[in-house]
Amino acid sequence: MENSKKQHYVSFIFLTCGIIFVSFPLLILLFSSFKPNTEVYTFPFRFFPQHWTLDNYADAWKNNLSRYVWNSIVTSLVPTVTAIIFGLLAAYALAKMKFAGKGLLLKFIVVMMLVPFDILIFPMFQLFKSFHLLDSLAGIMVPGLVSAFGVFLMRQFMLQIPDELIEAARIDGCGLTGILTSVVLPNVTPGIAVLGITTFLYNWNVFTWPFIITTGETNKTLSVGLASMVTSINNFNPGGLLAGGIIMVIPVFILFVFFQKGITQVYMTTGIK
């Protein structure tokens, strides 16, 4: 009993130290965002501000940050909704329907999950250029409208739905729409939640593709906009940059706090392989 208590205390100490170590840079970012610019580079470093201020947030919001946030919201929400819709429909066909080439199509989807996105950037750039989609929100969103991972994930959930339930619904007179709404959706809700959260966070944080495809200030996302604030020599505002970093972290923090338990349980129980 004493040994188990000692192990418990040791584990608690190590976990606490790990949490402090990981969260320390984020805490520095948080408190520094409330410092005036004159205190940001103060030496020796002060963890807490001497003079608390919200001017950094106000200045950043006026200097295109509001546009960056809006662009990120649009380019994150739209692909999330479409990835869920197309993922549900494609996964149902792969899991519960019989058609020629089904196995080959599933293998192709798995291969697409393994292909690094970086090697597709150049041909996609040429393709989007020919369709006049450069420097547009549509050009940022199109690659994420359908997710191979989403299709595969939803298929794993649908394989757990007994075929007898679908047959019973079909005998009761349900068509495809009725089966999806009354049988499939209630049984794959955790999977939809996981797919929605992971897709939103990926599109919220993605940098490479929006950075390459956007040239002006109008269509920059938050991640690209913050990077442009770093490289701005004439208008560099360290306090505004720190405030923008905190604004970018807020959705991630909210989703983690409210959905961490559900996401962990889903990944543990569904056997994503």
C-alpha atoms as a PDB file:
ATOM      1  CA  MET A   1       0.000   0.000   0.000  1.00  0.00           C
ATOM      2  CA  GLU A   2       2.804   2.398   0.928  1.00  0.00           C
ATOM      3  CA  ASN A   3       4.669   1.609  -2.286  1.00  0.00           C
ATOM      4  CA  SER A   4       1.575   2.354  -4.374  1.00  0.00           C
ATOM      5  CA  LYS A   5       1.132   5.675  -2.562  1.00  0.00           C
ATOM      6  CA  LYS A   6       4.771   6.570  -3.201  1.00  0.00           C
ATOM      7  CA  GLN A   7       4.382   5.712  -6.897  1.00  0.00           C
ATOM      8  CA  HIS A   8       1.230   7.842  -7.010  1.00  0.00           C
ATOM      9  CA  TYR A   9       3.032  10.836  -5.476  1.00  0.00           C
ATOM     10  CA  VAL A  10       6.052  10.417  -7.768  1.00  0.00           C
ATOM     11  CA  SER A  11       3.789  10.242 -10.833  1.00  0.00           C
ATOM     12  CA  PHE A  12       1.895  13.315  -9.659  1.00  0.00           C
ATOM     13  CA  ILE A  13       5.132  15.278  -9.182  1.00  0.00           C
ATOM     14  CA  PHE A  14       6.467  14.316 -12.612  1.00  0.00           C
ATOM     15  CA  LEU A  15       3.171  15.154 -14.325  1.00  0.00           C
ATOM     16  CA  THR A  16       2.968  18.496 -12.529  1.00  0.00           C
ATOM     17  CA  CYS A  17       6.523  19.369 -13.563  1.00  0.00           C
ATOM     18  CA  GLY A  18       5.749  18.352 -17.137  1.00  0.00           C
ATOM     19  CA  ILE A  19       2.609  20.512 -17.241  1.00  0.00           C
ATOM     20  CA  ILE A  20       4.513  23.507 -15.859  1.00  0.00           C
ATOM     21  CA  PHE A  21       7.336  23.008 -18.363  1.00  0.00           C
ATOM     22  CA  VAL A  22       4.963  22.737 -21.338  1.00  0.00           C
ATOM     23  CA  SER A  23       2.656  25.591 -20.307  1.00  0.00           C
ATOM     24  CA  PHE A  24       5.406  28.038 -19.276  1.00  0.00           C
ATOM     25  CA  PRO A  25       5.942  29.520 -22.793  1.00  0.00           C
ATOM     26  CA  LEU A  26       2.178  29.965 -23.168  1.00  0.00           C
ATOM     27  CA  LEU A  27       2.007  31.790 -19.814  1.00  0.00           C
ATOM     28  CA  ILE A  28       4.859  34.062 -20.919  1.00  0.00           C
ATOM     29  CA  LEU A  29       2.907  34.804 -24.108  1.00  0.00           C
ATOM     30  CA  LEU A  30      -0.264  35.516 -22.131  1.00  0.00           C
ATOM     31  CA  PHE A  31       1.243  37.903 -19.580  1.00  0.00           C
ATOM     32  CA  SER A  32       3.519  39.594 -22.116  1.00  0.00           C
ATOM     33  CA  SER A  33       0.493  40.427 -24.264  1.00  0.00           C
ATOM     34  CA  PHE A  34      -0.656  42.750 -21.464  1.00  0.00           C
ATOM     35  CA  LYS A  35       2.682  44.594 -21.306  1.00  0.00           C
ATOM     36  CA  PRO A  36       3.356  47.941 -22.985  1.00  0.00           C
ATOM     37  CA  ASN A  37       5.919  47.675 -25.780  1.00  0.00           C
ATOM     38  CA  THR A  38       8.479  49.363 -23.552  1.00  0.00           C
ATOM     39  CA  GLU A  39       8.302  46.411 -21.151  1.00  0.00           C
ATOM     40  CA  VAL A  40       8.360  43.591 -23.705  1.00  0.00           C
ATOM     41  CA  TYR A  41      12.156  43.779 -24.117  1.00  0.00           C
ATOM     42  CA  THR A  42      12.914  44.788 -20.548  1.00  0.00           C
ATOM     43  CA  PHE A  43      16.068  43.238 -19.095  1.00  0.00           C
ATOM     44  CA  PRO A  44      16.115  41.476 -16.724  1.00  0.00           C
ATOM     45  CA  PHE A  45      12.956  39.716 -17.838  1.00  0.00           C
ATOM     46  CA  ARG A  46       9.828  40.271 -15.756  1.00  0.00           C
ATOM     47  CA  PHE A  47       7.194  37.539 -15.797  1.00  0.00           C
ATOM     48  CA  PHE A  48       4.276  39.819 -14.844  1.00  0.00           C
ATOM     49  CA  PRO A  49       3.663  43.262 -16.351  1.00  0.00           C
ATOM     50  CA  GLN A  50       4.437  46.296 -14.236  1.00  0.00           C
ATOM     51  CA  HIS A  51       1.737  48.264 -16.046  1.00  0.00           C
ATOM     52  CA  TRP A  52      -1.190  46.194 -17.326  1.00  0.00           C
ATOM     53  CA  THR A  53      -2.721  47.346 -20.600  1.00  0.00           C
ATOM     54  CA  LEU A  54      -5.212  46.218 -23.247  1.00  0.00           C
ATOM     55  CA  ASP A  55      -3.779  48.546 -25.890  1.00  0.00           C
ATOM     56  CA  ASN A  56      -2.012  45.671 -27.626  1.00  0.00           C
ATOM     57  CA  TYR A  57      -5.309  43.920 -28.306  1.00  0.00           C
ATOM     58  CA  ALA A  58      -6.987  47.139 -29.447  1.00  0.00           C
ATOM     59  CA  ASP A  59      -4.102  48.075 -31.777  1.00  0.00           C
ATOM     60  CA  ALA A  60      -3.838  44.587 -33.237  1.00  0.00           C
ATOM     61  CA  TRP A  61      -7.595  44.419 -33.821  1.00  0.00           C
ATOM     62  CA  LYS A  62      -7.503  47.718 -35.716  1.00  0.00           C
ATOM     63  CA  ASN A  63      -4.498  46.705 -37.830  1.00  0.00           C
ATOM     64  CA  ASN A  64      -6.108  43.982 -39.971  1.00  0.00           C
ATOM     65  CA  LEU A  65      -6.292  41.425 -37.149  1.00  0.00           C
ATOM     66  CA  SER A  66     -10.087  41.455 -37.268  1.00  0.00           C
ATOM     67  CA  ARG A  67      -9.939  40.615 -40.985  1.00  0.00           C
ATOM     68  CA  TYR A  68      -7.426  37.828 -40.352  1.00  0.00           C
ATOM     69  CA  VAL A  69      -9.673  36.335 -37.660  1.00  0.00           C
ATOM     70  CA  TRP A  70     -12.736  36.478 -39.916  1.00  0.00           C
ATOM     71  CA  ASN A  71     -10.852  34.820 -42.782  1.00  0.00           C
ATOM     72  CA  SER A  72      -9.640  32.053 -40.466  1.00  0.00           C
ATOM     73  CA  ILE A  73     -13.162  31.452 -39.158  1.00  0.00           C
ATOM     74  CA  VAL A  74     -14.562  31.153 -42.695  1.00  0.00           C
ATOM     75  CA  THR A  75     -11.744  28.981 -44.016  1.00  0.00           C
ATOM     76  CA  SER A  76     -12.013  26.699 -40.973  1.00  0.00           C
ATOM     77  CA  LEU A  77     -15.788  26.327 -40.637  1.00  0.00           C
ATOM     78  CA  VAL A  78     -16.645  25.732 -44.298  1.00  0.00           C
ATOM     79  CA  PRO A  79     -14.158  22.851 -44.818  1.00  0.00           C
ATOM     80  CA  THR A  80     -15.249  21.384 -41.480  1.00  0.00           C
ATOM     81  CA  VAL A  81     -18.919  21.264 -42.540  1.00  0.00           C
ATOM     82  CA  THR A  82     -18.172  19.888 -46.012  1.00  0.00           C
ATOM     83  CA  ALA A  83     -15.682  17.320 -44.680  1.00  0.00           C
ATOM     84  CA  ILE A  84     -18.372  15.998 -42.312  1.00  0.00           C
ATOM     85  CA  ILE A  85     -21.060  15.853 -45.027  1.00  0.00           C
ATOM     86  CA  PHE A  86     -18.911  14.215 -47.702  1.00  0.00           C
ATOM     87  CA  GLY A  87     -17.253  11.993 -45.106  1.00  0.00           C
ATOM     88  CA  LEU A  88     -20.626  10.656 -43.933  1.00  0.00           C
ATOM     89  CA  LEU A  89     -21.908   9.946 -47.435  1.00  0.00           C
ATOM     90  CA  ALA A  90     -18.697   8.361 -48.722  1.00  0.00           C
ATOM     91  CA  ALA A  91     -18.189   6.343 -45.533  1.00  0.00           C
ATOM     92  CA  TYR A  92     -21.719   4.945 -45.682  1.00  0.00           C
ATOM     93  CA  ALA A  93     -21.134   3.770 -49.239  1.00  0.00           C
ATOM     94  CA  LEU A  94     -17.813   2.147 -48.324  1.00  0.00           C
ATOM     95  CA  ALA A  95     -19.104   0.533 -45.135  1.00  0.00           C
ATOM     96  CA  LYS A  96     -22.652  -0.574 -46.010  1.00  0.00           C
ATOM     97  CA  MET A  97     -22.999  -0.749 -49.808  1.00  0.00           C
ATOM     98  CA  LYS A  98     -21.697  -3.236 -52.348  1.00  0.00           C
ATOM     99  CA  PHE A  99     -20.337  -1.974 -55.653  1.00  0.00           C
ATOM    100  CA  ALA A 100     -17.536  -2.761 -58.088  1.00  0.00           C
ATOM    101  CA  GLY A 101     -14.129  -1.360 -57.167  1.00  0.00           C
ATOM    102  CA  LYS A 102     -15.014  -0.780 -53.519  1.00  0.00           C
ATOM    103  CA  GLY A 103     -11.811  -2.360 -52.189  1.00  0.00           C
ATOM    104  CA  LEU A 104      -9.648  -0.473 -54.702  1.00  0.00           C
ATOM    105  CA  LEU A 105     -11.313   2.807 -53.789  1.00  0.00           C
ATOM    106  CA  LEU A 106     -10.687   2.188 -50.080  1.00  0.00           C
ATOM    107  CA  LYS A 107      -7.019   1.475 -50.775  1.00  0.00           C
ATOM    108  CA  PHE A 108      -6.773   4.694 -52.766  1.00  0.00           C
ATOM    109  CA  ILE A 109      -8.212   6.655 -49.826  1.00  0.00           C
ATOM    110  CA  VAL A 110      -5.671   5.087 -47.457  1.00  0.00           C
ATOM    111  CA  VAL A 111      -2.847   5.953 -49.855  1.00  0.00           C
ATOM    112  CA  MET A 112      -4.062   9.553 -50.032  1.00  0.00           C
ATOM    113  CA  MET A 113      -3.815   9.701 -46.237  1.00  0.00           C
ATOM    114  CA  LEU A 114      -0.150   8.686 -46.482  1.00  0.00           C
ATOM    115  CA  VAL A 115       0.838  11.203 -49.171  1.00  0.00           C
ATOM    116  CA  PRO A 116       2.442  14.321 -47.635  1.00  0.00           C
ATOM    117  CA  PHE A 117       0.569  17.474 -48.574  1.00  0.00           C
ATOM    118  CA  ASP A 118       3.834  19.318 -49.257  1.00  0.00           C
ATOM    119  CA  ILE A 119       4.582  17.330 -52.416  1.00  0.00           C
ATOM    120  CA  LEU A 120       1.215  18.368 -53.886  1.00  0.00           C
ATOM    121  CA  ILE A 121       1.716  22.099 -53.366  1.00  0.00           C
ATOM    122  CA  PHE A 122       3.391  22.896 -56.702  1.00  0.00           C
ATOM    123  CA  PRO A 123       0.909  21.050 -58.990  1.00  0.00           C
ATOM    124  CA  MET A 124      -1.998  22.418 -56.930  1.00  0.00           C
ATOM    125  CA  PHE A 125      -0.614  25.936 -57.258  1.00  0.00           C
ATOM    126  CA  GLN A 126      -0.447  25.576 -61.054  1.00  0.00           C
ATOM    127  CA  LEU A 127      -3.962  24.141 -61.142  1.00  0.00           C
ATOM    128  CA  PHE A 128      -5.415  26.896 -58.971  1.00  0.00           C
ATOM    129  CA  LYS A 129      -3.622  29.506 -61.046  1.00  0.00           C
ATOM    130  CA  SER A 130      -5.311  28.209 -64.204  1.00  0.00           C
ATOM    131  CA  PHE A 131      -8.710  28.451 -62.463  1.00  0.00           C
ATOM    132  CA  HIS A 132      -7.958  31.984 -61.157  1.00  0.00           C
ATOM    133  CA  LEU A 133      -8.249  30.914 -57.511  1.00  0.00           C
ATOM    134  CA  LEU A 134      -5.019  32.449 -56.271  1.00  0.00           C
ATOM    135  CA  ASP A 135      -5.295  35.001 -53.471  1.00  0.00           C
ATOM    136  CA  SER A 136      -8.878  34.033 -52.609  1.00  0.00           C
ATOM    137  CA  LEU A 137     -10.676  32.425 -49.697  1.00  0.00           C
ATOM    138  CA  ALA A 138     -12.041  29.791 -52.081  1.00  0.00           C
ATOM    139  CA  GLY A 139      -8.500  28.856 -53.074  1.00  0.00           C
ATOM    140  CA  ILE A 140      -7.566  28.400 -49.416  1.00  0.00           C
ATOM    141  CA  MET A 141     -10.614  26.236 -48.660  1.00  0.00           C
ATOM    142  CA  VAL A 142     -10.876  23.955 -51.703  1.00  0.00           C
ATOM    143  CA  PRO A 143      -8.082  21.479 -50.736  1.00  0.00           C
ATOM    144  CA  GLY A 144      -9.794  20.818 -47.395  1.00  0.00           C
ATOM    145  CA  LEU A 145     -13.394  20.469 -48.560  1.00  0.00           C
ATOM    146  CA  VAL A 146     -13.054  16.671 -48.617  1.00  0.00           C
ATOM    147  CA  SER A 147     -10.877  14.759 -46.156  1.00  0.00           C
ATOM    148  CA  ALA A 148      -9.528  11.266 -46.832  1.00  0.00           C
ATOM    149  CA  PHE A 149      -8.964  10.912 -43.096  1.00  0.00           C
ATOM    150  CA  GLY A 150     -12.582  11.942 -42.499  1.00  0.00           C
ATOM    151  CA  VAL A 151     -13.910   9.291 -44.874  1.00  0.00           C
ATOM    152  CA  PHE A 152     -11.749   6.606 -43.303  1.00  0.00           C
ATOM    153  CA  LEU A 153     -12.639   7.685 -39.754  1.00  0.00           C
ATOM    154  CA  MET A 154     -16.394   7.710 -40.394  1.00  0.00           C
ATOM    155  CA  ARG A 155     -16.150   4.326 -42.132  1.00  0.00           C
ATOM    156  CA  GLN A 156     -14.593   2.862 -38.982  1.00  0.00           C
ATOM    157  CA  PHE A 157     -17.572   4.074 -36.971  1.00  0.00           C
ATOM    158  CA  MET A 158     -20.137   2.832 -39.476  1.00  0.00           C
ATOM    159  CA  LEU A 159     -18.630  -0.646 -39.538  1.00  0.00           C
ATOM    160  CA  GLN A 160     -19.746  -0.934 -35.904  1.00  0.00           C
ATOM    161  CA  ILE A 161     -23.413  -0.356 -36.825  1.00  0.00           C
ATOM    162  CA  PRO A 162     -25.171  -3.742 -37.157  1.00  0.00           C
ATOM    163  CA  ASP A 163     -26.506  -4.414 -40.646  1.00  0.00           C
ATOM    164  CA  GLU A 164     -29.728  -5.641 -39.012  1.00  0.00           C
ATOM    165  CA  LEU A 165     -30.546  -2.087 -37.886  1.00  0.00           C
ATOM    166  CA  ILE A 166     -30.242  -0.772 -41.418  1.00  0.00           C
ATOM    167  CA  GLU A 167     -32.273  -3.664 -42.824  1.00  0.00           C
ATOM    168  CA  ALA A 168     -34.997  -3.066 -40.215  1.00  0.00           C
ATOM    169  CA  ALA A 169     -35.162   0.604 -41.157  1.00  0.00           C
ATOM    170  CA  ARG A 170     -35.353  -0.324 -44.833  1.00  0.00           C
ATOM    171  CA  ILE A 171     -38.219  -2.757 -44.146  1.00  0.00           C
ATOM    172  CA  ASP A 172     -40.026   0.024 -42.259  1.00  0.00           C
ATOM    173  CA  GLY A 173     -39.957   2.058 -45.446  1.00  0.00           C
ATOM    174  CA  CYS A 174     -36.967   4.309 -44.824  1.00  0.00           C
ATOM    175  CA  GLY A 175     -35.040   5.465 -47.849  1.00  0.00           C
ATOM    176  CA  LEU A 176     -31.372   6.439 -47.880  1.00  0.00           C
ATOM    177  CA  THR A 177     -32.078   9.803 -46.244  1.00  0.00           C
ATOM    178  CA  GLY A 178     -34.177   8.199 -43.517  1.00  0.00           C
ATOM    179  CA  ILE A 179     -31.531   5.569 -42.791  1.00  0.00           C
ATOM    180  CA  LEU A 180     -28.829   8.217 -42.515  1.00  0.00           C
ATOM    181  CA  THR A 181     -30.830  10.474 -40.219  1.00  0.00           C
ATOM    182  CA  SER A 182     -32.552   7.874 -38.008  1.00  0.00           C
ATOM    183  CA  VAL A 183     -29.995   5.058 -37.824  1.00  0.00           C
ATOM    184  CA  VAL A 184     -26.544   6.220 -38.882  1.00  0.00           C
ATOM    185  CA  LEU A 185     -26.278   9.704 -37.368  1.00  0.00           C
ATOM    186  CA  PRO A 186     -27.243   8.710 -33.785  1.00  0.00           C
ATOM    187  CA  ASN A 187     -24.605   5.964 -33.830  1.00  0.00           C
ATOM    188  CA  VAL A 188     -21.722   7.995 -35.276  1.00  0.00           C
ATOM    189  CA  THR A 189     -22.157  11.245 -33.328  1.00  0.00           C
ATOM    190  CA  PRO A 190     -18.840  10.807 -31.437  1.00  0.00           C
ATOM    191  CA  GLY A 191     -17.053  10.307 -34.743  1.00  0.00           C
ATOM    192  CA  ILE A 192     -18.643  13.443 -36.189  1.00  0.00           C
ATOM    193  CA  ALA A 193     -17.477  15.385 -33.140  1.00  0.00           C
ATOM    194  CA  VAL A 194     -13.903  14.123 -33.490  1.00  0.00           C
ATOM    195  CA  LEU A 195     -13.834  14.778 -37.237  1.00  0.00           C
ATOM    196  CA  GLY A 196     -15.277  18.258 -36.781  1.00  0.00           C
ATOM    197  CA  ILE A 197     -12.817  19.245 -34.059  1.00  0.00           C
ATOM    198  CA  THR A 198      -9.712  17.861 -35.773  1.00  0.00           C
ATOM    199  CA  THR A 199     -10.684  19.366 -39.140  1.00  0.00           C
ATOM    200  CA  PHE A 200     -11.421  22.770 -37.635  1.00  0.00           C
ATOM    201  CA  LEU A 201      -8.156  22.861 -35.676  1.00  0.00           C
ATOM    202  CA  TYR A 202      -6.122  21.788 -38.707  1.00  0.00           C
ATOM    203  CA  ASN A 203      -7.611  24.488 -40.912  1.00  0.00           C
ATOM    204  CA  TRP A 204      -7.343  27.070 -38.129  1.00  0.00           C
ATOM    205  CA  ASN A 205      -3.625  26.412 -37.630  1.00  0.00           C
ATOM    206  CA  VAL A 206      -2.538  25.600 -41.199  1.00  0.00           C
ATOM    207  CA  PHE A 207       0.116  27.961 -42.525  1.00  0.00           C
ATOM    208  CA  THR A 208       1.928  26.676 -45.610  1.00  0.00           C
ATOM    209  CA  TRP A 209      -0.894  26.615 -48.184  1.00  0.00           C
ATOM    210  CA  PRO A 210      -2.533  29.947 -47.195  1.00  0.00           C
ATOM    211  CA  PHE A 211       0.913  31.556 -47.111  1.00  0.00           C
ATOM    212  CA  ILE A 212       1.713  30.386 -50.642  1.00  0.00           C
ATOM    213  CA  ILE A 213      -1.624  31.159 -52.236  1.00  0.00           C
ATOM    214  CA  THR A 214      -2.291  34.615 -50.720  1.00  0.00           C
ATOM    215  CA  THR A 215      -0.435  37.744 -51.782  1.00  0.00           C
ATOM    216  CA  GLY A 216      -2.472  40.702 -50.484  1.00  0.00           C
ATOM    217  CA  GLU A 217      -3.759  41.561 -47.033  1.00  0.00           C
ATOM    218  CA  THR A 218      -7.429  40.971 -47.854  1.00  0.00           C
ATOM    219  CA  ASN A 219      -7.447  37.169 -47.806  1.00  0.00           C
ATOM    220  CA  LYS A 220      -4.729  36.346 -45.302  1.00  0.00           C
ATOM    221  CA  THR A 221      -5.628  33.976 -42.498  1.00  0.00           C
ATOM    222  CA  LEU A 222      -4.637  34.598 -38.886  1.00  0.00           C
ATOM    223  CA  SER A 223      -1.541  32.391 -39.000  1.00  0.00           C
ATOM    224  CA  VAL A 224      -0.272  34.101 -42.169  1.00  0.00           C
ATOM    225  CA  GLY A 225      -1.227  37.533 -40.873  1.00  0.00           C
ATOM    226  CA  LEU A 226       0.769  37.037 -37.673  1.00  0.00           C
ATOM    227  CA  ALA A 227       3.763  35.929 -39.732  1.00  0.00           C
ATOM    228  CA  SER A 228       3.481  39.075 -41.845  1.00  0.00           C
ATOM    229  CA  MET A 229       3.412  41.140 -38.632  1.00  0.00           C
ATOM    230  CA  VAL A 230       6.741  39.572 -37.655  1.00  0.00           C
ATOM    231  CA  THR A 231       8.386  40.466 -40.983  1.00  0.00           C
ATOM    232  CA  SER A 232       6.955  43.986 -41.093  1.00  0.00           C
ATOM    233  CA  ILE A 233       9.969  46.203 -40.498  1.00  0.00           C
ATOM    234  CA  ASN A 234       8.295  49.595 -40.580  1.00  0.00           C
ATOM    235  CA  ASN A 235       5.179  48.662 -38.629  1.00  0.00           C
ATOM    236  CA  PHE A 236       6.437  45.993 -36.248  1.00  0.00           C
ATOM    237  CA  ASN A 237       4.399  45.927 -33.029  1.00  0.00           C
ATOM    238  CA  PRO A 238       5.634  43.261 -30.605  1.00  0.00           C
ATOM    239  CA  GLY A 239       2.738  43.773 -28.196  1.00  0.00           C
ATOM    240  CA  GLY A 240       0.174  43.432 -30.997  1.00  0.00           C
ATOM    241  CA  LEU A 241       1.905  40.287 -32.219  1.00  0.00           C
ATOM    242  CA  LEU A 242       1.707  38.756 -28.741  1.00  0.00           C
ATOM    243  CA  ALA A 243      -1.971  39.688 -28.486  1.00  0.00           C
ATOM    244  CA  GLY A 244      -2.625  38.070 -31.870  1.00  0.00           C
ATOM    245  CA  GLY A 245      -0.920  34.910 -30.670  1.00  0.00           C
ATOM    246  CA  ILE A 246      -3.257  34.716 -27.681  1.00  0.00           C
ATOM    247  CA  ILE A 247      -6.295  35.274 -29.923  1.00  0.00           C
ATOM    248  CA  MET A 248      -5.138  32.410 -32.133  1.00  0.00           C
ATOM    249  CA  VAL A 249      -4.793  30.092 -29.137  1.00  0.00           C
ATOM    250  CA  ILE A 250      -8.270  30.827 -27.722  1.00  0.00           C
ATOM    251  CA  PRO A 251     -10.316  28.476 -30.005  1.00  0.00           C
ATOM    252  CA  VAL A 252      -7.805  25.670 -29.474  1.00  0.00           C
ATOM    253  CA  PHE A 253      -7.989  26.115 -25.713  1.00  0.00           C
ATOM    254  CA  ILE A 254     -11.807  26.197 -25.696  1.00  0.00           C
ATOM    255  CA  LEU A 255     -12.107  23.018 -27.778  1.00  0.00           C
ATOM    256  CA  PHE A 256      -9.552  21.252 -25.592  1.00  0.00           C
ATOM    257  CA  VAL A 257     -11.289  22.184 -22.333  1.00  0.00           C
ATOM    258  CA  PHE A 258     -14.774  21.156 -23.454  1.00  0.00           C
ATOM    259  CA  PHE A 259     -14.028  18.100 -25.607  1.00  0.00           C
ATOM    260  CA  GLN A 260     -10.776  16.540 -24.346  1.00  0.00           C
ATOM    261  CA  LYS A 261     -12.532  13.732 -22.457  1.00  0.00           C
ATOM    262  CA  GLY A 262     -14.775  12.791 -25.358  1.00  0.00           C
ATOM    263  CA  ILE A 263     -11.938  12.827 -27.894  1.00  0.00           C
ATOM    264  CA  THR A 264      -9.747  10.656 -25.668  1.00  0.00           C
ATOM    265  CA  GLN A 265     -12.535   8.114 -25.149  1.00  0.00           C
ATOM    266  CA  VAL A 266     -13.299   7.957 -28.858  1.00  0.00           C
ATOM    267  CA  TYR A 267      -9.684   7.311 -29.842  1.00  0.00           C
ATOM    268  CA  MET A 268      -9.393   4.639 -27.140  1.00  0.00           C
ATOM    269  CA  THR A 269     -12.610   2.788 -27.927  1.00  0.00           C
ATOM    270  CA  THR A 270     -12.981   2.969 -31.697  1.00  0.00           C
ATOM    271  CA  GLY A 271      -9.670   1.400 -32.646  1.00  0.00           C
ATOM    272  CA  ILE A 272      -8.423   3.868 -35.235  1.00  0.00           C
ATOM    273  CA  LYS A 273      -5.802   1.845 -37.058  1.00  0.00           C
END
